[in-house]
N, C-alpha and C. Protein backbone atom coordinates (compact mmCIF):
# COMPACT_ATOMS: atom_id res chain seq x y z
N UNK A 1 111.63 111.42 99.02
CA UNK A 1 110.89 110.53 98.02
C UNK A 1 112.08 109.73 97.56
N UNK A 2 111.64 108.54 96.98
CA UNK A 2 112.28 107.53 96.49
C UNK A 2 111.80 107.32 95.20
N UNK A 3 112.80 107.04 94.32
CA UNK A 3 112.41 106.75 92.64
C UNK A 3 113.21 105.60 92.48
N UNK A 4 112.59 104.53 92.08
CA UNK A 4 113.46 103.24 91.49
C UNK A 4 112.90 102.87 90.12
N UNK A 5 114.00 102.77 89.34
CA UNK A 5 113.78 101.80 88.07
C UNK A 5 114.16 100.66 88.18
N UNK A 6 113.34 99.55 87.68
CA UNK A 6 113.44 98.35 88.00
C UNK A 6 112.97 97.54 86.34
N UNK A 7 114.16 96.79 86.08
CA UNK A 7 113.96 96.06 84.71
C UNK A 7 113.81 94.43 85.00
N UNK A 8 112.71 94.37 84.79
CA UNK A 8 112.04 93.03 85.24
C UNK A 8 113.07 91.86 84.10
N UNK A 9 113.40 90.67 84.78
CA UNK A 9 113.89 89.75 83.85
C UNK A 9 112.93 89.07 82.81
N UNK A 10 113.24 88.73 81.67
CA UNK A 10 112.38 88.11 80.81
C UNK A 10 111.58 87.11 81.24
N UNK A 11 110.22 87.19 81.10
CA UNK A 11 109.38 86.07 81.69
C UNK A 11 108.93 86.54 83.24
N UNK A 12 109.34 87.70 83.70
CA UNK A 12 109.22 87.77 84.91
C UNK A 12 108.37 88.88 85.30
N UNK A 13 108.19 89.69 84.03
CA UNK A 13 107.15 91.04 84.36
C UNK A 13 105.99 90.84 85.02
N UNK A 14 105.23 89.75 84.89
CA UNK A 14 103.93 89.79 85.66
C UNK A 14 104.12 89.46 87.11
N UNK A 15 105.16 88.66 87.29
CA UNK A 15 105.69 88.34 88.77
C UNK A 15 105.94 89.35 89.35
N UNK A 16 107.03 90.29 88.79
CA UNK A 16 107.30 91.35 89.51
C UNK A 16 106.31 92.47 89.69
N UNK A 17 105.37 92.80 88.67
CA UNK A 17 104.25 93.48 88.75
C UNK A 17 103.09 93.04 90.18
N UNK A 18 103.28 91.66 90.23
CA UNK A 18 102.12 91.38 91.40
C UNK A 18 102.77 91.71 92.62
N UNK A 19 104.07 91.27 92.77
CA UNK A 19 104.86 91.67 94.18
C UNK A 19 104.94 93.28 94.30
N UNK A 20 105.24 93.95 93.06
CA UNK A 20 105.03 95.54 93.50
C UNK A 20 103.46 95.85 93.86
N UNK A 21 102.66 95.45 93.54
CA UNK A 21 101.38 95.81 93.85
C UNK A 21 100.96 95.29 95.34
N UNK A 22 101.61 94.17 95.53
CA UNK A 22 101.30 93.46 97.08
C UNK A 22 102.32 94.62 97.99
N UNK A 23 103.47 95.10 97.59
CA UNK A 23 103.95 95.61 98.34
C UNK A 23 103.37 97.30 98.50
N UNK A 24 102.71 97.79 97.65
CA UNK A 24 101.99 99.03 97.47
C UNK A 24 101.10 98.80 98.52
N UNK A 25 100.06 97.60 98.41
CA UNK A 25 99.00 97.76 99.16
C UNK A 25 99.15 97.68 100.51
N UNK A 26 100.35 97.04 101.08
CA UNK A 26 100.86 97.00 102.32
C UNK A 26 101.16 98.30 102.84
N UNK A 27 102.14 98.77 102.04
CA UNK A 27 102.54 100.18 102.20
C UNK A 27 101.32 101.28 102.28
N UNK A 28 100.53 101.14 101.92
CA UNK A 28 99.30 102.02 102.13
C UNK A 28 98.73 102.31 103.69
N UNK A 29 98.88 101.13 104.37
CA UNK A 29 98.66 101.13 105.62
C UNK A 29 99.71 101.40 106.49
N UNK A 30 100.99 101.96 106.13
CA UNK A 30 102.04 102.54 106.86
C UNK A 30 101.56 103.74 107.49
N UNK A 31 101.51 104.05 108.56
CA UNK A 31 101.54 105.73 108.92
C UNK A 31 102.04 106.61 108.23
N UNK A 32 103.30 106.47 107.74
CA UNK A 32 103.89 107.73 107.44
C UNK A 32 104.18 107.78 105.87
N UNK A 33 103.20 106.58 105.16
CA UNK A 33 103.35 106.70 103.65
C UNK A 33 102.32 107.49 103.16
N UNK A 34 102.99 108.61 102.26
CA UNK A 34 102.09 109.74 101.80
C UNK A 34 101.77 109.22 100.22
N UNK A 35 102.59 108.54 99.69
CA UNK A 35 102.48 108.25 98.02
C UNK A 35 103.22 106.99 97.68
N UNK A 36 102.60 106.14 96.80
CA UNK A 36 103.27 104.99 96.49
C UNK A 36 102.49 104.63 95.05
N UNK A 37 103.62 104.83 94.04
CA UNK A 37 103.12 104.93 92.45
C UNK A 37 103.91 104.00 91.91
N UNK A 38 103.30 102.86 91.15
CA UNK A 38 104.02 101.94 90.36
C UNK A 38 103.58 102.13 88.90
N UNK A 39 104.47 102.32 87.97
CA UNK A 39 104.27 102.47 86.75
C UNK A 39 105.08 101.21 85.74
N UNK A 40 104.28 100.69 84.49
CA UNK A 40 105.08 99.72 83.69
C UNK A 40 105.06 100.14 82.36
N UNK A 41 106.09 100.01 81.99
CA UNK A 41 106.58 100.61 80.42
C UNK A 41 106.82 99.06 79.59
N UNK A 42 106.65 99.26 78.31
CA UNK A 42 106.88 98.40 77.49
C UNK A 42 108.12 97.73 77.75
N UNK A 43 108.47 96.30 77.63
CA UNK A 43 109.78 95.86 77.68
C UNK A 43 110.08 95.47 79.15
N UNK A 44 109.19 95.57 80.17
CA UNK A 44 109.28 95.09 81.35
C UNK A 44 110.11 95.89 82.40
N UNK A 45 109.93 97.25 81.99
CA UNK A 45 110.75 98.18 82.57
C UNK A 45 109.40 98.78 83.74
N UNK A 46 109.87 98.80 85.17
CA UNK A 46 108.96 99.41 86.25
C UNK A 46 109.66 100.89 86.63
N UNK A 47 108.80 101.82 86.96
CA UNK A 47 109.19 102.90 87.53
C UNK A 47 108.19 103.03 88.90
N UNK A 48 108.76 103.36 89.80
CA UNK A 48 108.44 103.15 91.46
C UNK A 48 108.78 104.55 91.98
N UNK A 49 107.59 105.38 92.38
CA UNK A 49 107.87 106.65 93.15
C UNK A 49 107.21 106.59 94.34
N UNK A 50 107.63 106.83 95.38
CA UNK A 50 107.51 106.54 96.89
C UNK A 50 107.63 107.82 97.55
N UNK A 51 106.67 108.33 98.33
CA UNK A 51 106.84 109.59 99.31
C UNK A 51 106.65 109.11 100.62
N UNK A 52 107.27 109.64 101.58
CA UNK A 52 107.00 109.52 102.91
C UNK A 52 107.02 110.59 103.51
N UNK A 53 106.35 110.59 105.11
CA UNK A 53 106.08 112.00 105.90
C UNK A 53 107.25 112.71 106.30
N UNK A 54 108.37 111.58 106.56
CA UNK A 54 109.73 112.04 106.80
C UNK A 54 110.82 110.79 106.69
N UNK A 55 112.25 111.10 107.14
CA UNK A 55 112.92 109.96 107.02
C UNK A 55 112.76 108.53 107.76
N UNK A 56 111.95 109.16 108.84
CA UNK A 56 111.90 107.89 110.09
C UNK A 56 110.84 107.08 109.25
N UNK A 57 109.84 107.49 108.64
CA UNK A 57 108.81 106.57 107.84
C UNK A 57 109.53 106.08 106.49
N UNK A 58 110.23 106.66 106.10
CA UNK A 58 111.04 105.91 104.95
C UNK A 58 111.93 104.77 105.44
N UNK A 59 112.65 105.09 106.77
CA UNK A 59 113.47 103.94 107.01
C UNK A 59 112.65 102.96 107.73
N UNK A 60 111.45 103.19 108.03
CA UNK A 60 110.58 102.10 108.62
C UNK A 60 109.83 101.23 107.65
N UNK A 61 109.63 101.85 106.47
CA UNK A 61 109.16 101.06 105.31
C UNK A 61 110.13 100.19 104.61
N UNK A 62 111.36 100.29 104.73
CA UNK A 62 112.45 99.69 104.25
C UNK A 62 112.99 98.71 105.12
N UNK A 63 112.63 99.08 106.46
CA UNK A 63 112.86 97.93 107.58
C UNK A 63 111.66 96.80 107.71
N UNK A 64 110.58 97.08 106.71
CA UNK A 64 109.57 96.13 107.10
C UNK A 64 109.76 94.93 106.59
N UNK A 65 109.37 93.69 106.80
CA UNK A 65 109.65 92.48 106.33
C UNK A 65 109.18 92.30 105.08
N UNK A 66 107.94 92.68 104.67
CA UNK A 66 107.37 92.52 103.22
C UNK A 66 108.23 93.29 102.09
N UNK A 67 108.87 94.41 102.47
CA UNK A 67 109.98 95.08 101.61
C UNK A 67 111.08 94.11 101.64
N UNK A 68 111.72 93.93 102.93
CA UNK A 68 112.97 92.83 102.85
C UNK A 68 112.61 91.70 101.71
N UNK A 69 111.61 90.96 102.08
CA UNK A 69 111.17 89.93 101.09
C UNK A 69 111.31 90.02 99.71
N UNK A 70 110.68 91.14 99.49
CA UNK A 70 110.74 91.55 98.07
C UNK A 70 112.10 91.99 97.50
N UNK A 71 112.97 92.77 98.20
CA UNK A 71 114.19 92.90 98.00
C UNK A 71 115.06 91.77 97.72
N UNK A 72 114.66 90.70 98.52
CA UNK A 72 115.45 89.15 98.57
C UNK A 72 115.03 88.57 97.12
N UNK A 73 114.17 89.07 96.69
CA UNK A 73 113.60 88.32 95.29
C UNK A 73 114.22 88.70 94.01
N UNK A 74 114.78 90.18 94.31
CA UNK A 74 115.24 90.90 93.08
C UNK A 74 116.26 90.11 92.21
N UNK A 75 117.25 89.29 92.55
CA UNK A 75 117.91 88.60 91.82
C UNK A 75 117.22 87.41 90.79
N UNK A 76 116.15 86.92 90.99
CA UNK A 76 115.40 86.21 90.58
C UNK A 76 114.74 87.10 89.51
N UNK A 77 114.12 88.13 89.92
CA UNK A 77 112.83 88.79 89.29
C UNK A 77 113.49 89.75 88.29
N UNK A 78 114.73 90.68 88.87
CA UNK A 78 115.31 91.59 87.96
C UNK A 78 116.41 91.30 86.98
N UNK A 79 116.46 92.00 85.88
CA UNK A 79 117.54 91.79 85.07
C UNK A 79 118.48 93.15 85.24
N UNK A 80 119.60 92.58 86.17
CA UNK A 80 120.63 93.95 86.64
C UNK A 80 119.97 94.58 87.86
N UNK A 81 120.80 95.32 88.42
CA UNK A 81 120.41 95.89 89.60
C UNK A 81 119.59 97.12 89.54
N UNK A 82 118.77 97.13 90.62
CA UNK A 82 117.69 98.34 90.30
C UNK A 82 118.58 99.57 90.62
N UNK A 83 117.88 100.70 89.95
CA UNK A 83 118.45 102.28 90.00
C UNK A 83 117.66 102.88 91.24
N UNK A 84 118.06 103.39 92.08
CA UNK A 84 117.18 103.81 93.16
C UNK A 84 117.95 105.10 93.56
N UNK A 85 116.85 106.17 93.67
CA UNK A 85 117.66 107.53 94.11
C UNK A 85 116.35 108.06 95.07
N UNK A 86 117.20 108.62 95.90
CA UNK A 86 116.54 109.20 97.11
C UNK A 86 116.53 110.87 97.00
N UNK A 87 115.78 111.57 97.01
CA UNK A 87 115.59 113.06 96.99
C UNK A 87 114.55 113.83 97.74
N UNK A 88 114.90 114.95 97.77
CA UNK A 88 113.87 115.93 98.90
C UNK A 88 112.94 116.30 97.69
N UNK A 89 111.48 116.30 98.15
CA UNK A 89 110.41 116.98 97.22
C UNK A 89 110.79 118.57 97.20
N UNK A 90 110.63 118.94 95.98
CA UNK A 90 110.91 120.68 95.86
C UNK A 90 109.40 121.09 95.92
N UNK A 91 108.53 120.46 95.04
CA UNK A 91 107.28 120.60 94.81
C UNK A 91 106.45 119.73 94.20
N UNK A 92 104.99 119.47 94.18
CA UNK A 92 104.54 118.60 93.78
C UNK A 92 103.12 118.42 94.62
N UNK A 93 102.27 117.67 94.68
CA UNK A 93 100.78 117.43 95.02
C UNK A 93 100.55 115.97 94.87
N UNK A 94 99.55 115.63 96.03
CA UNK A 94 98.93 114.41 95.84
C UNK A 94 97.34 114.57 96.11
N UNK A 95 96.44 114.13 95.22
CA UNK A 95 95.11 114.25 95.72
C UNK A 95 94.62 113.09 96.49
């Protein structure tokens, strides 16, 4: 599982949301993608939670050109560095 906290640069909140939604739509088509959730808080803070079938699927996701394109835009879209954590899922569910 990957969890990221992204703080949008002032004025870039809607642009970041659109970009995250585009990546989520493309990720849905990935063979090993299990779940992808984007949440937006007041103040332009975004929480992204991603689950993949295995490490190979996660690596393939981050190697995808549309993910690399978004990551390359982070300096213009984000205020500061993203906080990203990789973790093993202990319990949970996806419907």
